[in-house]
Amino acid sequence: MGKRKLKEALLVLLKIQPERKSLLFEFTKPHKIKRASFTEQNFWFNLSLTPFAYLTGRSISAFRRGFKKLYHCPPGQWLWQN
């Protein structure tokens, strides 16, 4: 039953926001993308740092370092403030 609900939710999401298809179904290794725009567009998905780092083409430690340099605070603090 859980798989069916998940599939249903994905179909609804894709119907509402078809531009998210590449984010949900792209399985190639991502190249480095701009951390700021990706984070600001996708932080509401409530992902842990691991997928954010992977999807921006960085290791977790590189993502954290770059995030802190860009936003002048760690990712958790930024999320709390936004």
PDB file of N, CA and C in Angstrom:
ATOM      1  N   MET A   1       0.823  -1.199   0.000  1.00  0.00           N
ATOM      2  CA  MET A   1       0.000   0.000   0.000  1.00  0.00           C
ATOM      3  C   MET A   1       0.866   1.261   0.000  1.00  0.00           C
ATOM      4  N   GLY A   2       1.996   1.244   0.684  1.00  0.00           N
ATOM      5  CA  GLY A   2       2.867   2.408   0.746  1.00  0.00           C
ATOM      6  C   GLY A   2       3.435   2.789  -0.606  1.00  0.00           C
ATOM      7  N   LYS A   3       3.817   1.794  -1.405  1.00  0.00           N
ATOM      8  CA  LYS A   3       4.371   2.069  -2.727  1.00  0.00           C
ATOM      9  C   LYS A   3       3.335   2.726  -3.631  1.00  0.00           C
ATOM     10  N   ARG A   4       2.108   2.296  -3.509  1.00  0.00           N
ATOM     11  CA  ARG A   4       1.043   2.857  -4.340  1.00  0.00           C
ATOM     12  C   ARG A   4       0.816   4.332  -3.988  1.00  0.00           C
ATOM     13  N   LYS A   5       0.827   4.653  -2.697  1.00  0.00           N
ATOM     14  CA  LYS A   5       0.638   6.041  -2.259  1.00  0.00           C
ATOM     15  C   LYS A   5       1.816   6.913  -2.692  1.00  0.00           C
ATOM     16  N   LEU A   6       3.014   6.354  -2.626  1.00  0.00           N
ATOM     17  CA  LEU A   6       4.194   7.090  -3.063  1.00  0.00           C
ATOM     18  C   LEU A   6       4.101   7.395  -4.558  1.00  0.00           C
ATOM     19  N   LYS A   7       3.718   6.405  -5.338  1.00  0.00           N
ATOM     20  CA  LYS A   7       3.571   6.597  -6.777  1.00  0.00           C
ATOM     21  C   LYS A   7       2.502   7.649  -7.069  1.00  0.00           C
ATOM     22  N   GLU A   8       1.408   7.584  -6.337  1.00  0.00           N
ATOM     23  CA  GLU A   8       0.330   8.549  -6.497  1.00  0.00           C
ATOM     24  C   GLU A   8       0.818   9.965  -6.173  1.00  0.00           C
ATOM     25  N   ALA A   9       1.567  10.098  -5.090  1.00  0.00           N
ATOM     26  CA  ALA A   9       2.095  11.408  -4.695  1.00  0.00           C
ATOM     27  C   ALA A   9       3.052  11.950  -5.748  1.00  0.00           C
ATOM     28  N   LEU A  10       3.911  11.085  -6.290  1.00  0.00           N
ATOM     29  CA  LEU A  10       4.844  11.519  -7.329  1.00  0.00           C
ATOM     30  C   LEU A  10       4.103  11.974  -8.586  1.00  0.00           C
ATOM     31  N   LEU A  11       3.063  11.261  -8.954  1.00  0.00           N
ATOM     32  CA  LEU A  11       2.285  11.651 -10.134  1.00  0.00           C
ATOM     33  C   LEU A  11       1.602  13.000  -9.927  1.00  0.00           C
ATOM     34  N   VAL A  12       1.090  13.232  -8.731  1.00  0.00           N
ATOM     35  CA  VAL A  12       0.458  14.517  -8.426  1.00  0.00           C
ATOM     36  C   VAL A  12       1.504  15.629  -8.487  1.00  0.00           C
ATOM     37  N   LEU A  13       2.667  15.397  -7.867  1.00  0.00           N
ATOM     38  CA  LEU A  13       3.738  16.393  -7.887  1.00  0.00           C
ATOM     39  C   LEU A  13       4.162  16.716  -9.318  1.00  0.00           C
ATOM     40  N   LEU A  14       4.322  15.698 -10.138  1.00  0.00           N
ATOM     41  CA  LEU A  14       4.730  15.915 -11.521  1.00  0.00           C
ATOM     42  C   LEU A  14       3.656  16.640 -12.329  1.00  0.00           C
ATOM     43  N   LYS A  15       2.408  16.420 -11.995  1.00  0.00           N
ATOM     44  CA  LYS A  15       1.332  17.114 -12.695  1.00  0.00           C
ATOM     45  C   LYS A  15       1.326  18.600 -12.327  1.00  0.00           C
ATOM     46  N   ILE A  16       1.589  18.884 -11.048  1.00  0.00           N
ATOM     47  CA  ILE A  16       1.589  20.260 -10.569  1.00  0.00           C
ATOM     48  C   ILE A  16       2.865  20.989 -10.988  1.00  0.00           C
ATOM     49  N   GLN A  17       4.004  20.300 -10.861  1.00  0.00           N
ATOM     50  CA  GLN A  17       5.300  20.905 -11.182  1.00  0.00           C
ATOM     51  C   GLN A  17       6.113  19.984 -12.089  1.00  0.00           C
ATOM     52  N   PRO A  18       5.796  19.945 -13.369  1.00  0.00           N
ATOM     53  CA  PRO A  18       6.501  19.036 -14.290  1.00  0.00           C
ATOM     54  C   PRO A  18       8.003  19.318 -14.387  1.00  0.00           C
ATOM     55  N   GLU A  19       8.420  20.531 -14.047  1.00  0.00           N
ATOM     56  CA  GLU A  19       9.846  20.857 -14.113  1.00  0.00           C
ATOM     57  C   GLU A  19      10.664  20.093 -13.080  1.00  0.00           C
ATOM     58  N   ARG A  20      10.032  19.474 -12.099  1.00  0.00           N
ATOM     59  CA  ARG A  20      10.730  18.692 -11.066  1.00  0.00           C
ATOM     60  C   ARG A  20      11.097  17.289 -11.555  1.00  0.00           C
ATOM     61  N   LYS A  21      10.677  16.920 -12.751  1.00  0.00           N
ATOM     62  CA  LYS A  21      10.944  15.573 -13.262  1.00  0.00           C
ATOM     63  C   LYS A  21      12.435  15.256 -13.278  1.00  0.00           C
ATOM     64  N   SER A  22      13.238  16.203 -13.733  1.00  0.00           N
ATOM     65  CA  SER A  22      14.679  15.933 -13.804  1.00  0.00           C
ATOM     66  C   SER A  22      15.283  15.776 -12.416  1.00  0.00           C
ATOM     67  N   LEU A  23      14.757  16.469 -11.423  1.00  0.00           N
ATOM     68  CA  LEU A  23      15.263  16.332 -10.058  1.00  0.00           C
ATOM     69  C   LEU A  23      14.903  14.966  -9.484  1.00  0.00           C
ATOM     70  N   LEU A  24      13.707  14.493  -9.770  1.00  0.00           N
ATOM     71  CA  LEU A  24      13.232  13.236  -9.195  1.00  0.00           C
ATOM     72  C   LEU A  24      13.736  11.996  -9.924  1.00  0.00           C
ATOM     73  N   PHE A  25      13.971  12.105 -11.218  1.00  0.00           N
ATOM     74  CA  PHE A  25      14.265  10.908 -12.005  1.00  0.00           C
ATOM     75  C   PHE A  25      15.580  10.948 -12.759  1.00  0.00           C
ATOM     76  N   GLU A  26      16.491  11.799 -12.381  1.00  0.00           N
ATOM     77  CA  GLU A  26      17.807  11.859 -13.011  1.00  0.00           C
ATOM     78  C   GLU A  26      18.759  11.011 -12.183  1.00  0.00           C
ATOM     79  N   PHE A  27      19.320   9.958 -12.771  1.00  0.00           N
ATOM     80  CA  PHE A  27      20.158   9.025 -12.032  1.00  0.00           C
ATOM     81  C   PHE A  27      21.636   9.078 -12.411  1.00  0.00           C
ATOM     82  N   THR A  28      22.019  10.013 -13.257  1.00  0.00           N
ATOM     83  CA  THR A  28      23.427  10.164 -13.568  1.00  0.00           C
ATOM     84  C   THR A  28      24.100  10.956 -12.453  1.00  0.00           C
ATOM     85  N   LYS A  29      25.397  10.812 -12.343  1.00  0.00           N
ATOM     86  CA  LYS A  29      26.122  11.543 -11.308  1.00  0.00           C
ATOM     87  C   LYS A  29      26.056  13.036 -11.627  1.00  0.00           C
ATOM     88  N   PRO A  30      25.607  13.841 -10.677  1.00  0.00           N
ATOM     89  CA  PRO A  30      25.442  15.265 -10.976  1.00  0.00           C
ATOM     90  C   PRO A  30      26.772  15.987 -11.102  1.00  0.00           C
ATOM     91  N   HIS A  31      26.783  17.005 -11.923  1.00  0.00           N
ATOM     92  CA  HIS A  31      27.943  17.876 -12.018  1.00  0.00           C
ATOM     93  C   HIS A  31      27.742  19.009 -11.019  1.00  0.00           C
ATOM     94  N   LYS A  32      28.778  19.759 -10.778  1.00  0.00           N
ATOM     95  CA  LYS A  32      28.651  20.857  -9.815  1.00  0.00           C
ATOM     96  C   LYS A  32      27.689  21.904 -10.359  1.00  0.00           C
ATOM     97  N   ILE A  33      26.740  22.264  -9.515  1.00  0.00           N
ATOM     98  CA  ILE A  33      25.793  23.314  -9.870  1.00  0.00           C
ATOM     99  C   ILE A  33      25.871  24.389  -8.799  1.00  0.00           C
ATOM    100  N   LYS A  34      25.272  25.512  -9.073  1.00  0.00           N
ATOM    101  CA  LYS A  34      25.318  26.617  -8.119  1.00  0.00           C
ATOM    102  C   LYS A  34      24.561  26.241  -6.851  1.00  0.00           C
ATOM    103  N   ARG A  35      25.278  26.220  -5.772  1.00  0.00           N
ATOM    104  CA  ARG A  35      24.739  25.817  -4.472  1.00  0.00           C
ATOM    105  C   ARG A  35      23.618  26.748  -4.025  1.00  0.00           C
ATOM    106  N   ALA A  36      23.800  28.048  -4.186  1.00  0.00           N
ATOM    107  CA  ALA A  36      22.832  29.021  -3.670  1.00  0.00           C
ATOM    108  C   ALA A  36      21.475  28.863  -4.338  1.00  0.00           C
ATOM    109  N   SER A  37      21.440  28.861  -5.652  1.00  0.00           N
ATOM    110  CA  SER A  37      20.147  28.768  -6.329  1.00  0.00           C
ATOM    111  C   SER A  37      19.485  27.421  -6.071  1.00  0.00           C
ATOM    112  N   PHE A  38      20.271  26.342  -6.071  1.00  0.00           N
ATOM    113  CA  PHE A  38      19.688  25.023  -5.810  1.00  0.00           C
ATOM    114  C   PHE A  38      19.113  24.957  -4.403  1.00  0.00           C
ATOM    115  N   THR A  39      19.856  25.441  -3.418  1.00  0.00           N
ATOM    116  CA  THR A  39      19.402  25.398  -2.029  1.00  0.00           C
ATOM    117  C   THR A  39      18.141  26.226  -1.850  1.00  0.00           C
ATOM    118  N   GLU A  40      18.147  27.431  -2.368  1.00  0.00           N
ATOM    119  CA  GLU A  40      17.006  28.318  -2.186  1.00  0.00           C
ATOM    120  C   GLU A  40      15.755  27.816  -2.899  1.00  0.00           C
ATOM    121  N   GLN A  41      15.906  27.096  -3.993  1.00  0.00           N
ATOM    122  CA  GLN A  41      14.752  26.563  -4.718  1.00  0.00           C
ATOM    123  C   GLN A  41      14.238  25.257  -4.123  1.00  0.00           C
ATOM    124  N   ASN A  42      15.086  24.526  -3.387  1.00  0.00           N
ATOM    125  CA  ASN A  42      14.713  23.177  -2.963  1.00  0.00           C
ATOM    126  C   ASN A  42      14.764  22.927  -1.464  1.00  0.00           C
ATOM    127  N   PHE A  43      15.053  23.937  -0.641  1.00  0.00           N
ATOM    128  CA  PHE A  43      15.177  23.670   0.796  1.00  0.00           C
ATOM    129  C   PHE A  43      13.870  23.200   1.415  1.00  0.00           C
ATOM    130  N   TRP A  44      12.752  23.543   0.834  1.00  0.00           N
ATOM    131  CA  TRP A  44      11.457  23.154   1.401  1.00  0.00           C
ATOM    132  C   TRP A  44      11.160  21.665   1.225  1.00  0.00           C
ATOM    133  N   PHE A  45      12.003  20.947   0.469  1.00  0.00           N
ATOM    134  CA  PHE A  45      11.823  19.497   0.337  1.00  0.00           C
ATOM    135  C   PHE A  45      12.235  18.753   1.605  1.00  0.00           C
ATOM    136  N   ASN A  46      12.857  19.456   2.543  1.00  0.00           N
ATOM    137  CA  ASN A  46      13.235  18.892   3.840  1.00  0.00           C
ATOM    138  C   ASN A  46      14.176  17.693   3.690  1.00  0.00           C
ATOM    139  N   LEU A  47      15.198  17.855   2.872  1.00  0.00           N
ATOM    140  CA  LEU A  47      16.206  16.814   2.682  1.00  0.00           C
ATOM    141  C   LEU A  47      17.330  16.986   3.688  1.00  0.00           C
ATOM    142  N   SER A  48      18.027  15.913   3.983  1.00  0.00           N
ATOM    143  CA  SER A  48      19.222  16.025   4.817  1.00  0.00           C
ATOM    144  C   SER A  48      20.354  16.593   3.963  1.00  0.00           C
ATOM    145  N   LEU A  49      21.490  16.856   4.583  1.00  0.00           N
ATOM    146  CA  LEU A  49      22.616  17.432   3.844  1.00  0.00           C
ATOM    147  C   LEU A  49      23.180  16.488   2.791  1.00  0.00           C
ATOM    148  N   THR A  50      23.109  15.200   3.040  1.00  0.00           N
ATOM    149  CA  THR A  50      23.693  14.233   2.098  1.00  0.00           C
ATOM    150  C   THR A  50      23.109  14.381   0.689  1.00  0.00           C
ATOM    151  N   PRO A  51      21.776  14.376   0.519  1.00  0.00           N
ATOM    152  CA  PRO A  51      21.256  14.564  -0.842  1.00  0.00           C
ATOM    153  C   PRO A  51      21.571  15.945  -1.421  1.00  0.00           C
ATOM    154  N   PHE A  52      21.526  16.994  -0.581  1.00  0.00           N
ATOM    155  CA  PHE A  52      21.868  18.326  -1.085  1.00  0.00           C
ATOM    156  C   PHE A  52      23.301  18.343  -1.601  1.00  0.00           C
ATOM    157  N   ALA A  53      24.217  17.782  -0.837  1.00  0.00           N
ATOM    158  CA  ALA A  53      25.616  17.746  -1.261  1.00  0.00           C
ATOM    159  C   ALA A  53      25.747  16.952  -2.560  1.00  0.00           C
ATOM    160  N   TYR A  54      25.139  15.784  -2.614  1.00  0.00           N
ATOM    161  CA  TYR A  54      25.221  14.929  -3.799  1.00  0.00           C
ATOM    162  C   TYR A  54      24.626  15.627  -5.031  1.00  0.00           C
ATOM    163  N   LEU A  55      23.452  16.215  -4.863  1.00  0.00           N
ATOM    164  CA  LEU A  55      22.767  16.836  -5.995  1.00  0.00           C
ATOM    165  C   LEU A  55      23.475  18.089  -6.506  1.00  0.00           C
ATOM    166  N   THR A  56      24.325  18.686  -5.674  1.00  0.00           N
ATOM    167  CA  THR A  56      25.107  19.834  -6.137  1.00  0.00           C
ATOM    168  C   THR A  56      26.505  19.412  -6.581  1.00  0.00           C
ATOM    169  N   GLY A  57      26.791  18.103  -6.544  1.00  0.00           N
ATOM    170  CA  GLY A  57      28.067  17.591  -7.026  1.00  0.00           C
ATOM    171  C   GLY A  57      29.215  17.775  -6.057  1.00  0.00           C
ATOM    172  N   ARG A  58      28.919  17.785  -4.747  1.00  0.00           N
ATOM    173  CA  ARG A  58      29.953  18.006  -3.745  1.00  0.00           C
ATOM    174  C   ARG A  58      29.899  16.942  -2.656  1.00  0.00           C
ATOM    175  N   SER A  59      31.008  16.806  -1.935  1.00  0.00           N
ATOM    176  CA  SER A  59      30.997  15.956  -0.746  1.00  0.00           C
ATOM    177  C   SER A  59      30.260  16.724   0.356  1.00  0.00           C
ATOM    178  N   ILE A  60      29.893  16.028   1.417  1.00  0.00           N
ATOM    179  CA  ILE A  60      29.185  16.691   2.513  1.00  0.00           C
ATOM    180  C   ILE A  60      30.064  17.774   3.131  1.00  0.00           C
ATOM    181  N   SER A  61      31.324  17.461   3.360  1.00  0.00           N
ATOM    182  CA  SER A  61      32.208  18.464   3.986  1.00  0.00           C
ATOM    183  C   SER A  61      32.414  19.669   3.068  1.00  0.00           C
ATOM    184  N   ALA A  62      32.567  19.440   1.766  1.00  0.00           N
ATOM    185  CA  ALA A  62      32.721  20.564   0.830  1.00  0.00           C
ATOM    186  C   ALA A  62      31.440  21.386   0.758  1.00  0.00           C
ATOM    187  N   PHE A  63      30.296  20.714   0.812  1.00  0.00           N
ATOM    188  CA  PHE A  63      29.022  21.431   0.803  1.00  0.00           C
ATOM    189  C   PHE A  63      28.906  22.319   2.040  1.00  0.00           C
ATOM    190  N   ARG A  64      29.223  21.765   3.209  1.00  0.00           N
ATOM    191  CA  ARG A  64      29.148  22.548   4.457  1.00  0.00           C
ATOM    192  C   ARG A  64      30.089  23.751   4.434  1.00  0.00           C
ATOM    193  N   ARG A  65      31.336  23.511   4.017  1.00  0.00           N
ATOM    194  CA  ARG A  65      32.319  24.605   3.975  1.00  0.00           C
ATOM    195  C   ARG A  65      31.850  25.718   3.030  1.00  0.00           C
ATOM    196  N   GLY A  66      31.448  25.313   1.846  1.00  0.00           N
ATOM    197  CA  GLY A  66      31.000  26.302   0.866  1.00  0.00           C
ATOM    198  C   GLY A  66      29.728  27.015   1.299  1.00  0.00           C
ATOM    199  N   PHE A  67      28.829  26.273   1.938  1.00  0.00           N
ATOM    200  CA  PHE A  67      27.583  26.859   2.413  1.00  0.00           C
ATOM    201  C   PHE A  67      27.875  27.931   3.454  1.00  0.00           C
ATOM    202  N   LYS A  68      28.754  27.599   4.400  1.00  0.00           N
ATOM    203  CA  LYS A  68      29.098  28.549   5.466  1.00  0.00           C
ATOM    204  C   LYS A  68      29.771  29.794   4.881  1.00  0.00           C
ATOM    205  N   LYS A  69      30.615  29.597   3.885  1.00  0.00           N
ATOM    206  CA  LYS A  69      31.283  30.727   3.239  1.00  0.00           C
ATOM    207  C   LYS A  69      30.266  31.605   2.499  1.00  0.00           C
ATOM    208  N   LEU A  70      29.299  30.983   1.857  1.00  0.00           N
ATOM    209  CA  LEU A  70      28.295  31.699   1.070  1.00  0.00           C
ATOM    210  C   LEU A  70      27.271  32.424   1.938  1.00  0.00           C
ATOM    211  N   TYR A  71      26.764  31.741   2.975  1.00  0.00           N
ATOM    212  CA  TYR A  71      25.678  32.292   3.791  1.00  0.00           C
ATOM    213  C   TYR A  71      26.129  32.795   5.167  1.00  0.00           C
ATOM    214  N   HIS A  72      27.387  32.630   5.492  1.00  0.00           N
ATOM    215  CA  HIS A  72      27.948  33.083   6.777  1.00  0.00           C
ATOM    216  C   HIS A  72      27.302  32.399   7.983  1.00  0.00           C
ATOM    217  N   CYS A  73      26.807  31.190   7.780  1.00  0.00           N
ATOM    218  CA  CYS A  73      26.269  30.373   8.872  1.00  0.00           C
ATOM    219  C   CYS A  73      26.159  28.934   8.368  1.00  0.00           C
ATOM    220  N   PRO A  74      26.117  27.961   9.277  1.00  0.00           N
ATOM    221  CA  PRO A  74      25.976  26.570   8.843  1.00  0.00           C
ATOM    222  C   PRO A  74      24.575  26.310   8.280  1.00  0.00           C
ATOM    223  N   PRO A  75      24.408  25.239   7.491  1.00  0.00           N
ATOM    224  CA  PRO A  75      23.126  24.958   6.860  1.00  0.00           C
ATOM    225  C   PRO A  75      21.953  24.854   7.845  1.00  0.00           C
ATOM    226  N   GLY A  76      22.155  24.200   8.978  1.00  0.00           N
ATOM    227  CA  GLY A  76      21.069  24.049   9.945  1.00  0.00           C
ATOM    228  C   GLY A  76      20.568  25.386  10.462  1.00  0.00           C
ATOM    229  N   GLN A  77      21.485  26.289  10.741  1.00  0.00           N
ATOM    230  CA  GLN A  77      21.103  27.623  11.219  1.00  0.00           C
ATOM    231  C   GLN A  77      20.370  28.389  10.127  1.00  0.00           C
ATOM    232  N   TRP A  78      20.825  28.276   8.895  1.00  0.00           N
ATOM    233  CA  TRP A  78      20.175  28.942   7.782  1.00  0.00           C
ATOM    234  C   TRP A  78      18.743  28.450   7.631  1.00  0.00           C
ATOM    235  N   LEU A  79      18.554  27.122   7.716  1.00  0.00           N
ATOM    236  CA  LEU A  79      17.205  26.562   7.605  1.00  0.00           C
ATOM    237  C   LEU A  79      16.309  27.066   8.724  1.00  0.00           C
ATOM    238  N   TRP A  80      16.861  27.142   9.925  1.00  0.00           N
ATOM    239  CA  TRP A  80      16.078  27.615  11.077  1.00  0.00           C
ATOM    240  C   TRP A  80      15.618  29.052  10.864  1.00  0.00           C
ATOM    241  N   GLN A  81      16.474  29.873  10.274  1.00  0.00           N
ATOM    242  CA  GLN A  81      16.150  31.283  10.046  1.00  0.00           C
ATOM    243  C   GLN A  81      15.217  31.489   8.867  1.00  0.00           C
ATOM    244  N   ASN A  82      15.184  30.540   7.953  1.00  0.00           N
ATOM    245  CA  ASN A  82      14.336  30.680   6.756  1.00  0.00           C
ATOM    246  C   ASN A  82      13.176  29.775   6.929  1.00  0.00           C
TER     247      ASN A  82
END
